[in-house]
């Protein structure tokens, strides 16, 4: 009898020990709070010091967590940057829908210009691009980000095709890639500023190219 009672007690304990007791926080909630604090601290450090001075130690201190917590989950600064980038993938891209591809491409280009004018976003991308040279995590995150963003922005081009503004065999994603190319060349190769004037020229060039027969699927 005592043996059966002991067995039942052990079974009850095993069934209830993993449940949060009244007043206790679920581990998942604590984990999410740590994640939110660490990513917010990473953004703040990027804004204050840029990618070159980003360290796990600074992020942990700003987030109020142990360095070991950051190292265990993110491993290094590349892990922090790639998670920030994946956060952006989960946000919707506002798309212009003016009824004119000329206006829509211009608005998309201005959006790119203003996005990279933000010091946090610029530092984030320059950091991930630098890391992608030698770290597959960063390279994968970049591919995921641009695949998602190009696909979303391509909807503006698809609408123009349906309206008859562009040839039926236009490749919408290639048009968006052409639109963004001048920005990345300036940021990564010539280290020139990107601004609204660059955006205007990029939009005009992309539109002229697609109207001339470039960026087709065949």
Foldseek 3Di string as FASTA:
>chain_A
DVVVVVVVVVVVCVVPVQPDDPPDDHPVVVVVLLLVLLLVLQLVCCQVPFQVPDWLVSSCVSSVHDSVVCCVPQVIVLSSLLVVLVVVLPDADDFDDPVDLLVRLLVVLQVVQVQCVRSSSVRSVVNLVVCVVPDVSSVVSVVSNLVSVLVRHLVNVVVCCVVVVFPVQAQSSVLVVQLCVVVCCCVPPVVHHGHSVNSNVSSVVSVVQRRVPPRGPD
